[in-house]
Amino acid sequence: MGLTRLDQLYRQVILDEAYHPRHHGKLAKPTHEITVRNPSCGDVLTLQLQVSDGKVVDAAFAGSGCTISQASGSLMTDRIIGETPQSVLDLVGQFSELVIEGEVADEDALGDAAILKGVHQFPARVKCATLAWKAAAQALTKGAEHD
């Protein structure tokens, strides 16, 4: 059974996000920083956020990992810029629900990150997909602030 054209397009977008990620690198003046690891596969991701006036004004990630974790980091950083910390936490919950259950009430709220919906068919990859998102939640709630 071959992939449908839509599946092929989704795969291509995920590969493009992984190999040409947006917001990859370091921020000059992050206010929040956290490094997280996926012990299942060895993915490592450092997330930096710059929060100012109650909004995420910039985000960057670096590290190494599989295609899914890198694509997810790119999509996540792009999606959360301009959001309030509470909105980011809400998005994290929605994204987790999407990749675990395959459905979420407002898929459009996730923007391009909704393309990772198919991960729910591969339970071993859920941790890869949610790594960056969980890092954002931890950075914003556990006071991983930069001095």
C-alpha atoms as a PDB file:
ATOM      1  CA  MET A   1       0.000   0.000   0.000  1.00  0.00           C
ATOM      2  CA  GLY A   2       1.524   3.296  -1.105  1.00  0.00           C
ATOM      3  CA  LEU A   3       1.328   6.660   0.527  1.00  0.00           C
ATOM      4  CA  THR A   4      -1.387   9.004  -0.610  1.00  0.00           C
ATOM      5  CA  ARG A   5      -0.313  12.284  -2.153  1.00  0.00           C
ATOM      6  CA  LEU A   6      -1.367  14.108   1.002  1.00  0.00           C
ATOM      7  CA  ASP A   7       0.754  11.772   3.156  1.00  0.00           C
ATOM      8  CA  GLN A   8       3.678  12.374   0.824  1.00  0.00           C
ATOM      9  CA  LEU A   9       3.202  16.135   1.135  1.00  0.00           C
ATOM     10  CA  TYR A  10       3.073  15.901   4.934  1.00  0.00           C
ATOM     11  CA  ARG A  11       6.253  13.849   4.976  1.00  0.00           C
ATOM     12  CA  GLN A  12       7.981  16.382   2.728  1.00  0.00           C
ATOM     13  CA  VAL A  13       6.957  19.295   4.982  1.00  0.00           C
ATOM     14  CA  ILE A  14       8.201  17.446   8.067  1.00  0.00           C
ATOM     15  CA  LEU A  15      11.525  16.673   6.371  1.00  0.00           C
ATOM     16  CA  ASP A  16      11.868  20.300   5.285  1.00  0.00           C
ATOM     17  CA  GLU A  17      11.170  21.551   8.832  1.00  0.00           C
ATOM     18  CA  ALA A  18      13.739  19.103  10.229  1.00  0.00           C
ATOM     19  CA  TYR A  19      16.513  19.811   7.753  1.00  0.00           C
ATOM     20  CA  HIS A  20      15.863  23.555   7.418  1.00  0.00           C
ATOM     21  CA  PRO A  21      14.436  24.468  10.826  1.00  0.00           C
ATOM     22  CA  ARG A  22      13.250  27.939  11.659  1.00  0.00           C
ATOM     23  CA  HIS A  23      14.423  29.539  14.887  1.00  0.00           C
ATOM     24  CA  HIS A  24      17.349  27.120  15.231  1.00  0.00           C
ATOM     25  CA  GLY A  25      20.273  28.487  17.202  1.00  0.00           C
ATOM     26  CA  LYS A  26      20.609  30.748  20.207  1.00  0.00           C
ATOM     27  CA  LEU A  27      19.044  33.987  21.346  1.00  0.00           C
ATOM     28  CA  ALA A  28      21.177  36.970  22.290  1.00  0.00           C
ATOM     29  CA  LYS A  29      19.218  37.669  25.491  1.00  0.00           C
ATOM     30  CA  PRO A  30      16.924  34.816  26.524  1.00  0.00           C
ATOM     31  CA  THR A  31      14.815  35.263  29.641  1.00  0.00           C
ATOM     32  CA  HIS A  32      14.089  31.519  29.922  1.00  0.00           C
ATOM     33  CA  GLU A  33      16.244  28.528  29.019  1.00  0.00           C
ATOM     34  CA  ILE A  34      15.915  24.805  29.534  1.00  0.00           C
ATOM     35  CA  THR A  35      17.587  21.666  28.248  1.00  0.00           C
ATOM     36  CA  VAL A  36      15.485  18.518  27.982  1.00  0.00           C
ATOM     37  CA  ARG A  37      16.285  14.966  26.963  1.00  0.00           C
ATOM     38  CA  ASN A  38      14.269  12.074  25.612  1.00  0.00           C
ATOM     39  CA  PRO A  39      15.774   9.048  27.356  1.00  0.00           C
ATOM     40  CA  SER A  40      13.965   6.712  24.959  1.00  0.00           C
ATOM     41  CA  CYS A  41      15.968   7.755  21.923  1.00  0.00           C
ATOM     42  CA  GLY A  42      18.628  10.221  23.046  1.00  0.00           C
ATOM     43  CA  ASP A  43      17.128  13.416  21.601  1.00  0.00           C
ATOM     44  CA  VAL A  44      18.483  16.523  23.349  1.00  0.00           C
ATOM     45  CA  LEU A  45      16.947  19.960  22.955  1.00  0.00           C
ATOM     46  CA  THR A  46      17.832  23.317  24.471  1.00  0.00           C
ATOM     47  CA  LEU A  47      15.045  25.855  24.254  1.00  0.00           C
ATOM     48  CA  GLN A  48      15.508  29.563  24.818  1.00  0.00           C
ATOM     49  CA  LEU A  49      12.642  32.012  25.109  1.00  0.00           C
ATOM     50  CA  GLN A  50      12.565  35.763  25.375  1.00  0.00           C
ATOM     51  CA  VAL A  51       9.467  36.902  27.229  1.00  0.00           C
ATOM     52  CA  SER A  52       8.718  40.604  27.413  1.00  0.00           C
ATOM     53  CA  ASP A  53       5.564  42.556  28.249  1.00  0.00           C
ATOM     54  CA  GLY A  54       3.665  39.323  28.884  1.00  0.00           C
ATOM     55  CA  LYS A  55       4.411  37.711  25.513  1.00  0.00           C
ATOM     56  CA  VAL A  56       6.954  35.377  23.965  1.00  0.00           C
ATOM     57  CA  VAL A  57       8.764  37.799  21.678  1.00  0.00           C
ATOM     58  CA  ASP A  58      11.384  35.342  20.421  1.00  0.00           C
ATOM     59  CA  ALA A  59      12.258  31.677  20.656  1.00  0.00           C
ATOM     60  CA  ALA A  60      15.130  29.475  19.546  1.00  0.00           C
ATOM     61  CA  PHE A  61      16.117  25.849  19.929  1.00  0.00           C
ATOM     62  CA  ALA A  62      19.271  23.834  19.422  1.00  0.00           C
ATOM     63  CA  GLY A  63      20.289  20.273  19.987  1.00  0.00           C
ATOM     64  CA  SER A  64      20.282  16.969  18.244  1.00  0.00           C
ATOM     65  CA  GLY A  65      17.585  14.479  17.570  1.00  0.00           C
ATOM     66  CA  CYS A  66      15.435  12.651  15.108  1.00  0.00           C
ATOM     67  CA  THR A  67      13.540  14.221  12.249  1.00  0.00           C
ATOM     68  CA  ILE A  68      10.300  14.369  14.253  1.00  0.00           C
ATOM     69  CA  SER A  69      11.830  16.165  17.256  1.00  0.00           C
ATOM     70  CA  GLN A  70      13.661  18.684  15.082  1.00  0.00           C
ATOM     71  CA  ALA A  71      10.609  19.395  12.908  1.00  0.00           C
ATOM     72  CA  SER A  72       8.446  19.745  15.999  1.00  0.00           C
ATOM     73  CA  GLY A  73      10.926  22.194  17.562  1.00  0.00           C
ATOM     74  CA  SER A  74      10.846  24.314  14.421  1.00  0.00           C
ATOM     75  CA  LEU A  75       7.063  24.287  14.170  1.00  0.00           C
ATOM     76  CA  MET A  76       6.623  24.939  17.898  1.00  0.00           C
ATOM     77  CA  THR A  77       8.982  27.908  18.105  1.00  0.00           C
ATOM     78  CA  ASP A  78       7.355  29.470  15.072  1.00  0.00           C
ATOM     79  CA  ARG A  79       3.872  28.977  16.545  1.00  0.00           C
ATOM     80  CA  ILE A  80       4.458  30.351  20.053  1.00  0.00           C
ATOM     81  CA  ILE A  81       6.121  33.649  19.134  1.00  0.00           C
ATOM     82  CA  GLY A  82       3.656  36.422  19.951  1.00  0.00           C
ATOM     83  CA  GLU A  83       1.684  34.331  22.438  1.00  0.00           C
ATOM     84  CA  THR A  84       1.223  34.885  26.154  1.00  0.00           C
ATOM     85  CA  PRO A  85       2.743  32.259  28.454  1.00  0.00           C
ATOM     86  CA  GLN A  86      -0.780  30.990  29.297  1.00  0.00           C
ATOM     87  CA  SER A  87      -1.613  30.657  25.605  1.00  0.00           C
ATOM     88  CA  VAL A  88       1.610  28.688  25.101  1.00  0.00           C
ATOM     89  CA  LEU A  89       0.622  26.337  27.929  1.00  0.00           C
ATOM     90  CA  ASP A  90      -2.788  25.862  26.311  1.00  0.00           C
ATOM     91  CA  LEU A  91      -1.132  25.104  22.958  1.00  0.00           C
ATOM     92  CA  VAL A  92       1.173  22.573  24.618  1.00  0.00           C
ATOM     93  CA  GLY A  93      -1.863  20.741  25.992  1.00  0.00           C
ATOM     94  CA  GLN A  94      -3.616  20.811  22.635  1.00  0.00           C
ATOM     95  CA  PHE A  95      -0.540  19.572  20.789  1.00  0.00           C
ATOM     96  CA  SER A  96      -0.021  16.735  23.261  1.00  0.00           C
ATOM     97  CA  GLU A  97      -3.655  15.715  22.867  1.00  0.00           C
ATOM     98  CA  LEU A  98      -3.316  15.812  19.074  1.00  0.00           C
ATOM     99  CA  VAL A  99      -0.287  13.526  18.881  1.00  0.00           C
ATOM    100  CA  ILE A 100      -1.531  11.167  21.587  1.00  0.00           C
ATOM    101  CA  GLU A 101      -5.197  10.921  20.552  1.00  0.00           C
ATOM    102  CA  GLY A 102      -5.043  11.974  16.900  1.00  0.00           C
ATOM    103  CA  GLU A 103      -7.751  14.585  17.453  1.00  0.00           C
ATOM    104  CA  VAL A 104      -8.102  17.897  19.228  1.00  0.00           C
ATOM    105  CA  ALA A 105     -11.029  20.305  19.566  1.00  0.00           C
ATOM    106  CA  ASP A 106      -9.333  23.173  17.703  1.00  0.00           C
ATOM    107  CA  GLU A 107      -6.684  21.796  15.374  1.00  0.00           C
ATOM    108  CA  ASP A 108      -6.462  25.168  13.594  1.00  0.00           C
ATOM    109  CA  ALA A 109      -5.126  26.773  16.795  1.00  0.00           C
ATOM    110  CA  LEU A 110      -1.925  24.755  16.351  1.00  0.00           C
ATOM    111  CA  GLY A 111      -1.246  26.221  12.932  1.00  0.00           C
ATOM    112  CA  ASP A 112       1.328  24.354  10.870  1.00  0.00           C
ATOM    113  CA  ALA A 113       2.239  22.185  13.876  1.00  0.00           C
ATOM    114  CA  ALA A 114      -0.984  20.239  13.280  1.00  0.00           C
ATOM    115  CA  ILE A 115       0.858  18.522  10.445  1.00  0.00           C
ATOM    116  CA  LEU A 116       2.379  16.239  13.100  1.00  0.00           C
ATOM    117  CA  LYS A 117      -1.055  14.750  13.803  1.00  0.00           C
ATOM    118  CA  GLY A 118      -0.006  11.468  12.184  1.00  0.00           C
ATOM    119  CA  VAL A 119       2.510  10.839  14.959  1.00  0.00           C
ATOM    120  CA  HIS A 120      -0.347   9.371  17.014  1.00  0.00           C
ATOM    121  CA  GLN A 121      -0.110   6.283  14.781  1.00  0.00           C
ATOM    122  CA  PHE A 122       3.421   5.699  16.088  1.00  0.00           C
ATOM    123  CA  PRO A 123       3.319   5.730  19.915  1.00  0.00           C
ATOM    124  CA  ALA A 124       7.109   5.375  20.162  1.00  0.00           C
ATOM    125  CA  ARG A 125       7.450   8.774  18.403  1.00  0.00           C
ATOM    126  CA  VAL A 126       5.073  10.738  20.647  1.00  0.00           C
ATOM    127  CA  LYS A 127       7.892  11.649  23.061  1.00  0.00           C
ATOM    128  CA  CYS A 128       9.954  12.887  20.106  1.00  0.00           C
ATOM    129  CA  ALA A 129       7.127  15.106  18.878  1.00  0.00           C
ATOM    130  CA  THR A 130       6.280  16.534  22.304  1.00  0.00           C
ATOM    131  CA  LEU A 131       9.857  17.161  23.511  1.00  0.00           C
ATOM    132  CA  ALA A 132      10.059  20.822  22.420  1.00  0.00           C
ATOM    133  CA  TRP A 133       6.499  21.541  23.523  1.00  0.00           C
ATOM    134  CA  LYS A 134       7.083  20.122  26.987  1.00  0.00           C
ATOM    135  CA  ALA A 135      10.303  22.128  27.177  1.00  0.00           C
ATOM    136  CA  ALA A 136       8.312  25.308  26.535  1.00  0.00           C
ATOM    137  CA  ALA A 137       5.855  24.436  29.297  1.00  0.00           C
ATOM    138  CA  GLN A 138       8.662  23.641  31.742  1.00  0.00           C
ATOM    139  CA  ALA A 139      10.583  26.803  30.880  1.00  0.00           C
ATOM    140  CA  LEU A 140       7.519  28.953  31.432  1.00  0.00           C
ATOM    141  CA  THR A 141       6.250  27.276  34.604  1.00  0.00           C
ATOM    142  CA  LYS A 142       9.317  26.131  36.501  1.00  0.00           C
ATOM    143  CA  GLY A 143      11.111  29.434  36.522  1.00  0.00           C
ATOM    144  CA  ALA A 144      13.953  28.410  34.219  1.00  0.00           C
ATOM    145  CA  GLU A 145      14.776  32.072  33.903  1.00  0.00           C
ATOM    146  CA  HIS A 146      18.101  33.394  32.750  1.00  0.00           C
ATOM    147  CA  ASP A 147      19.802  35.934  34.950  1.00  0.00           C
END
